[in-house]
Amino acid sequence: GAITGAKAMAWYRQVPGNDRELLAIISRTDTLTY
């Protein structure tokens, strides 16, 4: 779709009945956080 420039992206996971859990982020400048 209409995306302007690079954006930070992240992965999450969810088990039924639980909150969605953040796993990892890659920033606009490719800095990684886990």
Full PDB file with SEQRES, HELIX, SHEET, SSBOND, CRYST1, ORIGX, SCALE, CONECT and MASTER records, all heavy atoms in Angstrom:
SEQRES   1 A   34  GLY ALA ILE THR GLY ALA LYS ALA MET ALA TRP TYR ARG          
SEQRES   2 A   34  GLN VAL PRO GLY ASN ASP ARG GLU LEU LEU ALA ILE ILE          
SEQRES   3 A   34  SER ARG THR ASP THR LEU THR TYR                              
SHEET    1 AA1 3 MET A   9  ARG A  13  0                                        
SHEET    2 AA1 3 GLU A  21  ILE A  26 -1                                        
SHEET    3 AA1 3 LEU A  32  THR A  33 -1                                        
CRYST1    1.000    1.000    1.000  90.00  90.00  90.00 P 1           1          
ORIGX1      1.000000  0.000000  0.000000        0.00000                         
ORIGX2      0.000000  1.000000  0.000000        0.00000                         
ORIGX3      0.000000  0.000000  1.000000        0.00000                         
SCALE1      1.000000  0.000000  0.000000        0.00000                         
SCALE2      0.000000  1.000000  0.000000        0.00000                         
SCALE3      0.000000  0.000000  1.000000        0.00000                         
ATOM      1  N   GLY A   1       0.826  -1.199   0.000  1.00  0.00           N  
ATOM      2  CA  GLY A   1       0.000   0.000   0.000  1.00  0.00           C  
ATOM      3  C   GLY A   1       0.860   1.248   0.000  1.00  0.00           C  
ATOM      4  O   GLY A   1       2.060   1.200  -0.267  1.00  0.00           O  
ATOM      5  N   ALA A   2       0.244   2.340   0.339  1.00  0.00           N  
ATOM      6  CA  ALA A   2       0.922   3.639   0.279  1.00  0.00           C  
ATOM      7  C   ALA A   2       1.771   3.840   1.527  1.00  0.00           C  
ATOM      8  O   ALA A   2       1.291   4.287   2.563  1.00  0.00           O  
ATOM      9  CB  ALA A   2      -0.098   4.754   0.146  1.00  0.00           C  
ATOM     10  N   ILE A   3       3.042   3.471   1.408  1.00  0.00           N  
ATOM     11  CA  ILE A   3       3.976   3.613   2.518  1.00  0.00           C  
ATOM     12  C   ILE A   3       5.059   4.594   2.112  1.00  0.00           C  
ATOM     13  O   ILE A   3       5.682   4.439   1.064  1.00  0.00           O  
ATOM     14  CB  ILE A   3       4.618   2.257   2.867  1.00  0.00           C  
ATOM     15  CG1 ILE A   3       3.544   1.232   3.210  1.00  0.00           C  
ATOM     16  CG2 ILE A   3       5.597   2.419   4.021  1.00  0.00           C  
ATOM     17  CD1 ILE A   3       4.056  -0.170   3.336  1.00  0.00           C  
ATOM     18  N   THR A   4       5.277   5.574   2.966  1.00  0.00           N  
ATOM     19  CA  THR A   4       6.287   6.582   2.661  1.00  0.00           C  
ATOM     20  C   THR A   4       7.562   6.255   3.420  1.00  0.00           C  
ATOM     21  O   THR A   4       7.598   6.314   4.640  1.00  0.00           O  
ATOM     22  CB  THR A   4       5.794   7.979   3.054  1.00  0.00           C  
ATOM     23  OG1 THR A   4       4.568   8.242   2.367  1.00  0.00           O  
ATOM     24  CG2 THR A   4       6.826   9.022   2.691  1.00  0.00           C  
ATOM     25  N   GLY A   5       8.591   5.890   2.679  1.00  0.00           N  
ATOM     26  CA  GLY A   5       9.889   5.634   3.297  1.00  0.00           C  
ATOM     27  C   GLY A   5       9.915   4.370   4.117  1.00  0.00           C  
ATOM     28  O   GLY A   5       8.921   3.660   4.252  1.00  0.00           O  
ATOM     29  N   ALA A   6      11.102   4.100   4.673  1.00  0.00           N  
ATOM     30  CA  ALA A   6      11.258   2.921   5.512  1.00  0.00           C  
ATOM     31  C   ALA A   6      10.638   3.171   6.881  1.00  0.00           C  
ATOM     32  O   ALA A   6      10.678   4.284   7.396  1.00  0.00           O  
ATOM     33  CB  ALA A   6      12.733   2.595   5.669  1.00  0.00           C  
ATOM     34  N   LYS A   7      10.067   2.137   7.438  1.00  0.00           N  
ATOM     35  CA  LYS A   7       9.424   2.246   8.745  1.00  0.00           C  
ATOM     36  C   LYS A   7       9.992   1.176   9.665  1.00  0.00           C  
ATOM     37  O   LYS A   7      10.417   0.100   9.211  1.00  0.00           O  
ATOM     38  CB  LYS A   7       7.912   2.047   8.614  1.00  0.00           C  
ATOM     39  CG  LYS A   7       7.228   3.112   7.753  1.00  0.00           C  
ATOM     40  CD  LYS A   7       5.785   2.737   7.469  1.00  0.00           C  
ATOM     41  CE  LYS A   7       4.902   2.852   8.680  1.00  0.00           C  
ATOM     42  NZ  LYS A   7       4.657   4.265   9.041  1.00  0.00           N  
ATOM     43  N   ALA A   8       9.972   1.446  10.945  1.00  0.00           N  
ATOM     44  CA  ALA A   8      10.273   0.391  11.905  1.00  0.00           C  
ATOM     45  C   ALA A   8       9.209  -0.689  11.786  1.00  0.00           C  
ATOM     46  O   ALA A   8       8.030  -0.399  11.593  1.00  0.00           O  
ATOM     47  CB  ALA A   8      10.283   0.955  13.321  1.00  0.00           C  
ATOM     48  N   MET A   9       9.653  -1.942  11.911  1.00  0.00           N  
ATOM     49  CA  MET A   9       8.723  -3.061  11.854  1.00  0.00           C  
ATOM     50  C   MET A   9       8.999  -3.977  13.037  1.00  0.00           C  
ATOM     51  O   MET A   9      10.110  -4.007  13.570  1.00  0.00           O  
ATOM     52  CB  MET A   9       8.856  -3.819  10.531  1.00  0.00           C  
ATOM     53  CG  MET A   9       8.542  -2.958   9.324  1.00  0.00           C  
ATOM     54  SD  MET A   9       8.518  -3.875   7.778  1.00  0.00           S  
ATOM     55  CE  MET A   9       6.934  -4.728   7.925  1.00  0.00           C  
ATOM     56  N   ALA A  10       7.992  -4.721  13.414  1.00  0.00           N  
ATOM     57  CA  ALA A  10       8.121  -5.580  14.590  1.00  0.00           C  
ATOM     58  C   ALA A  10       7.352  -6.876  14.381  1.00  0.00           C  
ATOM     59  O   ALA A  10       6.392  -6.932  13.621  1.00  0.00           O  
ATOM     60  CB  ALA A  10       7.603  -4.875  15.832  1.00  0.00           C  
ATOM     61  N   TRP A  11       7.800  -7.896  15.086  1.00  0.00           N  
ATOM     62  CA  TRP A  11       7.099  -9.166  15.139  1.00  0.00           C  
ATOM     63  C   TRP A  11       6.512  -9.360  16.534  1.00  0.00           C  
ATOM     64  O   TRP A  11       7.146  -9.004  17.546  1.00  0.00           O  
ATOM     65  CB  TRP A  11       8.038 -10.324  14.820  1.00  0.00           C  
ATOM     66  CG  TRP A  11       8.265 -10.505  13.351  1.00  0.00           C  
ATOM     67  CD1 TRP A  11       9.311 -10.036  12.621  1.00  0.00           C  
ATOM     68  CD2 TRP A  11       7.419 -11.206  12.449  1.00  0.00           C  
ATOM     69  NE1 TRP A  11       9.165 -10.398  11.302  1.00  0.00           N  
ATOM     70  CE2 TRP A  11       8.005 -11.124  11.176  1.00  0.00           C  
ATOM     71  CE3 TRP A  11       6.219 -11.905  12.582  1.00  0.00           C  
ATOM     72  CZ2 TRP A  11       7.441 -11.708  10.044  1.00  0.00           C  
ATOM     73  CZ3 TRP A  11       5.655 -12.480  11.470  1.00  0.00           C  
ATOM     74  CH2 TRP A  11       6.267 -12.383  10.205  1.00  0.00           C  
ATOM     75  N   TYR A  12       5.337  -9.950  16.551  1.00  0.00           N  
ATOM     76  CA  TYR A  12       4.613 -10.241  17.772  1.00  0.00           C  
ATOM     77  C   TYR A  12       4.089 -11.673  17.674  1.00  0.00           C  
ATOM     78  O   TYR A  12       4.057 -12.263  16.595  1.00  0.00           O  
ATOM     79  CB  TYR A  12       3.395  -9.315  17.918  1.00  0.00           C  
ATOM     80  CG  TYR A  12       3.680  -7.842  17.823  1.00  0.00           C  
ATOM     81  CD1 TYR A  12       3.924  -7.233  16.598  1.00  0.00           C  
ATOM     82  CD2 TYR A  12       3.676  -7.038  18.965  1.00  0.00           C  
ATOM     83  CE1 TYR A  12       4.169  -5.878  16.502  1.00  0.00           C  
ATOM     84  CE2 TYR A  12       3.909  -5.677  18.880  1.00  0.00           C  
ATOM     85  CZ  TYR A  12       4.150  -5.112  17.644  1.00  0.00           C  
ATOM     86  OH  TYR A  12       4.390  -3.764  17.560  1.00  0.00           O  
ATOM     87  N   ARG A  13       3.624 -12.177  18.800  1.00  0.00           N  
ATOM     88  CA  ARG A  13       2.912 -13.450  18.759  1.00  0.00           C  
ATOM     89  C   ARG A  13       1.802 -13.436  19.792  1.00  0.00           C  
ATOM     90  O   ARG A  13       1.833 -12.673  20.765  1.00  0.00           O  
ATOM     91  CB  ARG A  13       3.852 -14.634  19.008  1.00  0.00           C  
ATOM     92  CG  ARG A  13       4.434 -14.706  20.406  1.00  0.00           C  
ATOM     93  CD  ARG A  13       5.442 -15.835  20.501  1.00  0.00           C  
ATOM     94  NE  ARG A  13       6.029 -15.925  21.826  1.00  0.00           N  
ATOM     95  CZ  ARG A  13       7.053 -16.721  22.121  1.00  0.00           C  
ATOM     96  NH1 ARG A  13       7.611 -17.484  21.182  1.00  0.00           N  
ATOM     97  NH2 ARG A  13       7.528 -16.750  23.352  1.00  0.00           N  
ATOM     98  N   GLN A  14       0.830 -14.303  19.564  1.00  0.00           N  
ATOM     99  CA  GLN A  14      -0.301 -14.364  20.478  1.00  0.00           C  
ATOM    100  C   GLN A  14      -0.785 -15.796  20.619  1.00  0.00           C  
ATOM    101  O   GLN A  14      -1.010 -16.490  19.615  1.00  0.00           O  
ATOM    102  CB  GLN A  14      -1.445 -13.479  19.981  1.00  0.00           C  
ATOM    103  CG  GLN A  14      -2.589 -13.349  20.959  1.00  0.00           C  
ATOM    104  CD  GLN A  14      -3.580 -12.292  20.532  1.00  0.00           C  
ATOM    105  OE1 GLN A  14      -3.724 -11.987  19.351  1.00  0.00           O  
ATOM    106  NE2 GLN A  14      -4.277 -11.715  21.505  1.00  0.00           N  
ATOM    107  N   VAL A  15      -0.938 -16.202  21.848  1.00  0.00           N  
ATOM    108  CA  VAL A  15      -1.555 -17.485  22.186  1.00  0.00           C  
ATOM    109  C   VAL A  15      -3.002 -17.193  22.542  1.00  0.00           C  
ATOM    110  O   VAL A  15      -3.269 -16.210  23.237  1.00  0.00           O  
ATOM    111  CB  VAL A  15      -0.825 -18.147  23.364  1.00  0.00           C  
ATOM    112  CG1 VAL A  15      -1.545 -19.422  23.790  1.00  0.00           C  
ATOM    113  CG2 VAL A  15       0.625 -18.425  23.009  1.00  0.00           C  
ATOM    114  N   PRO A  16      -3.942 -17.994  22.076  1.00  0.00           N  
ATOM    115  CA  PRO A  16      -5.360 -17.738  22.411  1.00  0.00           C  
ATOM    116  C   PRO A  16      -5.557 -17.548  23.912  1.00  0.00           C  
ATOM    117  O   PRO A  16      -5.049 -18.332  24.721  1.00  0.00           O  
ATOM    118  CB  PRO A  16      -6.069 -18.991  21.900  1.00  0.00           C  
ATOM    119  CG  PRO A  16      -5.220 -19.469  20.777  1.00  0.00           C  
ATOM    120  CD  PRO A  16      -3.809 -19.158  21.189  1.00  0.00           C  
ATOM    121  N   GLY A  17      -6.268 -16.469  24.236  1.00  0.00           N  
ATOM    122  CA  GLY A  17      -6.536 -16.178  25.636  1.00  0.00           C  
ATOM    123  C   GLY A  17      -5.504 -15.293  26.295  1.00  0.00           C  
ATOM    124  O   GLY A  17      -5.700 -14.845  27.430  1.00  0.00           O  
ATOM    125  N   ASN A  18      -4.401 -15.053  25.595  1.00  0.00           N  
ATOM    126  CA  ASN A  18      -3.335 -14.203  26.140  1.00  0.00           C  
ATOM    127  C   ASN A  18      -3.209 -12.919  25.329  1.00  0.00           C  
ATOM    128  O   ASN A  18      -3.673 -12.830  24.192  1.00  0.00           O  
ATOM    129  CB  ASN A  18      -1.992 -14.944  26.109  1.00  0.00           C  
ATOM    130  CG  ASN A  18      -1.928 -16.068  27.111  1.00  0.00           C  
ATOM    131  OD1 ASN A  18      -2.896 -16.341  27.818  1.00  0.00           O  
ATOM    132  ND2 ASN A  18      -0.790 -16.725  27.168  1.00  0.00           N  
ATOM    133  N   ASP A  19      -2.527 -11.926  25.917  1.00  0.00           N  
ATOM    134  CA  ASP A  19      -2.242 -10.700  25.190  1.00  0.00           C  
ATOM    135  C   ASP A  19      -1.208 -10.963  24.102  1.00  0.00           C  
ATOM    136  O   ASP A  19      -0.407 -11.894  24.197  1.00  0.00           O  
ATOM    137  CB  ASP A  19      -1.697  -9.635  26.143  1.00  0.00           C  
ATOM    138  CG  ASP A  19      -2.757  -9.155  27.119  1.00  0.00           C  
ATOM    139  OD1 ASP A  19      -3.957  -9.269  26.805  1.00  0.00           O  
ATOM    140  OD2 ASP A  19      -2.366  -8.653  28.190  1.00  0.00           O  
ATOM    141  N   ARG A  20      -1.236 -10.103  23.098  1.00  0.00           N  
ATOM    142  CA  ARG A  20      -0.224 -10.173  22.051  1.00  0.00           C  
ATOM    143  C   ARG A  20       1.123  -9.764  22.653  1.00  0.00           C  
ATOM    144  O   ARG A  20       1.210  -8.791  23.390  1.00  0.00           O  
ATOM    145  CB  ARG A  20      -0.612  -9.278  20.891  1.00  0.00           C  
ATOM    146  CG  ARG A  20       0.165  -9.498  19.627  1.00  0.00           C  
ATOM    147  CD  ARG A  20      -0.467  -8.745  18.478  1.00  0.00           C  
ATOM    148  NE  ARG A  20      -1.583  -9.466  17.885  1.00  0.00           N  
ATOM    149  CZ  ARG A  20      -2.819  -8.983  17.754  1.00  0.00           C  
ATOM    150  NH1 ARG A  20      -3.091  -7.774  18.174  1.00  0.00           N  
ATOM    151  NH2 ARG A  20      -3.771  -9.702  17.189  1.00  0.00           N  
ATOM    152  N   GLU A  21       2.173 -10.505  22.327  1.00  0.00           N  
ATOM    153  CA  GLU A  21       3.504 -10.328  22.918  1.00  0.00           C  
ATOM    154  C   GLU A  21       4.480  -9.807  21.865  1.00  0.00           C  
ATOM    155  O   GLU A  21       4.625 -10.409  20.794  1.00  0.00           O  
ATOM    156  CB  GLU A  21       3.987 -11.683  23.450  1.00  0.00           C  
ATOM    157  CG  GLU A  21       5.403 -11.714  23.972  1.00  0.00           C  
ATOM    158  CD  GLU A  21       5.848 -13.122  24.338  1.00  0.00           C  
ATOM    159  OE1 GLU A  21       5.278 -14.105  23.826  1.00  0.00           O  
ATOM    160  OE2 GLU A  21       6.800 -13.248  25.129  1.00  0.00           O  
ATOM    161  N   LEU A  22       5.150  -8.719  22.190  1.00  0.00           N  
ATOM    162  CA  LEU A  22       6.170  -8.170  21.300  1.00  0.00           C  
ATOM    163  C   LEU A  22       7.422  -9.037  21.371  1.00  0.00           C  
ATOM    164  O   LEU A  22       7.897  -9.354  22.461  1.00  0.00           O  
ATOM    165  CB  LEU A  22       6.501  -6.738  21.695  1.00  0.00           C  
ATOM    166  CG  LEU A  22       7.647  -6.067  20.955  1.00  0.00           C  
ATOM    167  CD1 LEU A  22       7.330  -5.907  19.475  1.00  0.00           C  
ATOM    168  CD2 LEU A  22       7.970  -4.713  21.589  1.00  0.00           C  
ATOM    169  N   LEU A  23       7.974  -9.381  20.219  1.00  0.00           N  
ATOM    170  CA  LEU A  23       9.170 -10.223  20.179  1.00  0.00           C  
ATOM    171  C   LEU A  23      10.420  -9.461  19.743  1.00  0.00           C  
ATOM    172  O   LEU A  23      11.485  -9.616  20.337  1.00  0.00           O  
ATOM    173  CB  LEU A  23       8.959 -11.386  19.218  1.00  0.00           C  
ATOM    174  CG  LEU A  23       7.912 -12.413  19.599  1.00  0.00           C  
ATOM    175  CD1 LEU A  23       7.685 -13.379  18.455  1.00  0.00           C  
ATOM    176  CD2 LEU A  23       8.322 -13.152  20.860  1.00  0.00           C  
ATOM    177  N   ALA A  24      10.292  -8.688  18.678  1.00  0.00           N  
ATOM    178  CA  ALA A  24      11.488  -8.061  18.112  1.00  0.00           C  
ATOM    179  C   ALA A  24      11.096  -6.862  17.271  1.00  0.00           C  
ATOM    180  O   ALA A  24      10.020  -6.846  16.667  1.00  0.00           O  
ATOM    181  CB  ALA A  24      12.250  -9.070  17.245  1.00  0.00           C  
ATOM    182  N   ILE A  25      11.981  -5.868  17.253  1.00  0.00           N  
ATOM    183  CA  ILE A  25      11.789  -4.654  16.467  1.00  0.00           C  
ATOM    184  C   ILE A  25      13.032  -4.424  15.624  1.00  0.00           C  
ATOM    185  O   ILE A  25      14.163  -4.592  16.107  1.00  0.00           O  
ATOM    186  CB  ILE A  25      11.567  -3.422  17.371  1.00  0.00           C  
ATOM    187  CG1 ILE A  25      10.300  -3.580  18.202  1.00  0.00           C  
ATOM    188  CG2 ILE A  25      11.487  -2.141  16.542  1.00  0.00           C  
ATOM    189  CD1 ILE A  25      10.118  -2.476  19.250  1.00  0.00           C  
ATOM    190  N   ILE A  26      12.811  -4.018  14.382  1.00  0.00           N  
ATOM    191  CA  ILE A  26      13.891  -3.492  13.556  1.00  0.00           C  
ATOM    192  C   ILE A  26      13.531  -2.048  13.234  1.00  0.00           C  
ATOM    193  O   ILE A  26      12.472  -1.768  12.683  1.00  0.00           O  
ATOM    194  CB  ILE A  26      14.130  -4.344  12.285  1.00  0.00           C  
ATOM    195  CG1 ILE A  26      15.310  -3.801  11.488  1.00  0.00           C  
ATOM    196  CG2 ILE A  26      12.880  -4.477  11.435  1.00  0.00           C  
ATOM    197  CD1 ILE A  26      15.831  -4.783  10.436  1.00  0.00           C  
ATOM    198  N   SER A  27      14.409  -1.131  13.612  1.00  0.00           N  
ATOM    199  CA  SER A  27      14.105   0.284  13.484  1.00  0.00           C  
ATOM    200  C   SER A  27      14.286   0.750  12.036  1.00  0.00           C  
ATOM    201  O   SER A  27      14.762   0.000  11.175  1.00  0.00           O  
ATOM    202  CB  SER A  27      15.009   1.095  14.405  1.00  0.00           C  
ATOM    203  OG  SER A  27      16.323   1.170  13.855  1.00  0.00           O  
ATOM    204  N   ARG A  28      13.956   2.020  11.796  1.00  0.00           N  
ATOM    205  CA  ARG A  28      14.155   2.586  10.455  1.00  0.00           C  
ATOM    206  C   ARG A  28      15.611   2.512  10.037  1.00  0.00           C  
ATOM    207  O   ARG A  28      15.921   2.437   8.845  1.00  0.00           O  
ATOM    208  CB  ARG A  28      13.683   4.036  10.419  1.00  0.00           C  
ATOM    209  CG  ARG A  28      12.186   4.218  10.517  1.00  0.00           C  
ATOM    210  CD  ARG A  28      11.798   5.671  10.218  1.00  0.00           C  
ATOM    211  NE  ARG A  28      12.467   6.606  11.089  1.00  0.00           N  
ATOM    212  CZ  ARG A  28      13.406   7.454  10.700  1.00  0.00           C  
ATOM    213  NH1 ARG A  28      13.797   7.490   9.436  1.00  0.00           N  
ATOM    214  NH2 ARG A  28      13.949   8.288  11.561  1.00  0.00           N  
ATOM    215  N   THR A  29      16.499   2.572  11.017  1.00  0.00           N  
ATOM    216  CA  THR A  29      17.932   2.518  10.725  1.00  0.00           C  
ATOM    217  C   THR A  29      18.506   1.134  10.976  1.00  0.00           C  
ATOM    218  O   THR A  29      19.715   0.969  11.118  1.00  0.00           O  
ATOM    219  CB  THR A  29      18.682   3.558  11.569  1.00  0.00           C  
ATOM    220  OG1 THR A  29      18.391   3.307  12.951  1.00  0.00           O  
ATOM    221  CG2 THR A  29      18.252   4.971  11.196  1.00  0.00           C  
ATOM    222  N   ASP A  30      17.620   0.152  11.089  1.00  0.00           N  
ATOM    223  CA  ASP A  30      17.990  -1.265  11.223  1.00  0.00           C  
ATOM    224  C   ASP A  30      18.632  -1.603  12.562  1.00  0.00           C  
ATOM    225  O   ASP A  30      19.347  -2.603  12.673  1.00  0.00           O  
ATOM    226  CB  ASP A  30      18.869  -1.727  10.062  1.00  0.00           C  
ATOM    227  CG  ASP A  30      18.122  -1.751   8.744  1.00  0.00           C  
ATOM    228  OD1 ASP A  30      16.876  -1.616   8.766  1.00  0.00           O  
ATOM    229  OD2 ASP A  30      18.762  -1.891   7.687  1.00  0.00           O  
ATOM    230  N   THR A  31      18.378  -0.789  13.569  1.00  0.00           N  
ATOM    231  CA  THR A  31      18.743  -1.180  14.929  1.00  0.00           C  
ATOM    232  C   THR A  31      17.781  -2.272  15.388  1.00  0.00           C  
ATOM    233  O   THR A  31      16.575  -2.170  15.169  1.00  0.00           O  
ATOM    234  CB  THR A  31      18.661   0.022  15.875  1.00  0.00           C  
ATOM    235  OG1 THR A  31      19.584   1.017  15.436  1.00  0.00           O  
ATOM    236  CG2 THR A  31      18.977  -0.379  17.300  1.00  0.00           C  
ATOM    237  N   LEU A  32      18.328  -3.300  16.026  1.00  0.00           N  
ATOM    238  CA  LEU A  32      17.526  -4.457  16.428  1.00  0.00           C  
ATOM    239  C   LEU A  32      17.299  -4.448  17.932  1.00  0.00           C  
ATOM    240  O   LEU A  32      18.228  -4.179  18.710  1.00  0.00           O  
ATOM    241  CB  LEU A  32      18.234  -5.749  16.028  1.00  0.00           C  
ATOM    242  CG  LEU A  32      18.688  -5.861  14.568  1.00  0.00           C  
ATOM    243  CD1 LEU A  32      19.348  -7.211  14.325  1.00  0.00           C  
ATOM    244  CD2 LEU A  32      17.534  -5.642  13.625  1.00  0.00           C  
ATOM    245  N   THR A  33      16.085  -4.776  18.337  1.00  0.00           N  
ATOM    246  CA  THR A  33      15.722  -4.888  19.741  1.00  0.00           C  
ATOM    247  C   THR A  33      14.913  -6.163  19.917  1.00  0.00           C  
ATOM    248  O   THR A  33      14.015  -6.430  19.119  1.00  0.00           O  
ATOM    249  CB  THR A  33      14.877  -3.685  20.197  1.00  0.00           C  
ATOM    250  OG1 THR A  33      15.579  -2.479  19.918  1.00  0.00           O  
ATOM    251  CG2 THR A  33      14.594  -3.762  21.690  1.00  0.00           C  
ATOM    252  N   TYR A  34      15.255  -6.924  20.968  1.00  0.00           N  
ATOM    253  CA  TYR A  34      14.581  -8.197  21.200  1.00  0.00           C  
ATOM    254  C   TYR A  34      13.998  -8.258  22.601  1.00  0.00           C  
ATOM    255  O   TYR A  34      14.605  -7.798  23.573  1.00  0.00           O  
ATOM    256  CB  TYR A  34      15.565  -9.359  21.040  1.00  0.00           C  
ATOM    257  CG  TYR A  34      16.077  -9.525  19.638  1.00  0.00           C  
ATOM    258  CD1 TYR A  34      17.301  -8.991  19.252  1.00  0.00           C  
ATOM    259  CD2 TYR A  34      15.333 -10.223  18.697  1.00  0.00           C  
ATOM    260  CE1 TYR A  34      17.766  -9.139  17.957  1.00  0.00           C  
ATOM    261  CE2 TYR A  34      15.799 -10.382  17.403  1.00  0.00           C  
ATOM    262  CZ  TYR A  34      17.008  -9.839  17.040  1.00  0.00           C  
ATOM    263  OH  TYR A  34      17.472  -9.998  15.760  1.00  0.00           O  
TER     264      TYR A  34                                                      
MASTER        0    0    0    0    3    0    0    6  263    1    0    3          
END                                                                             
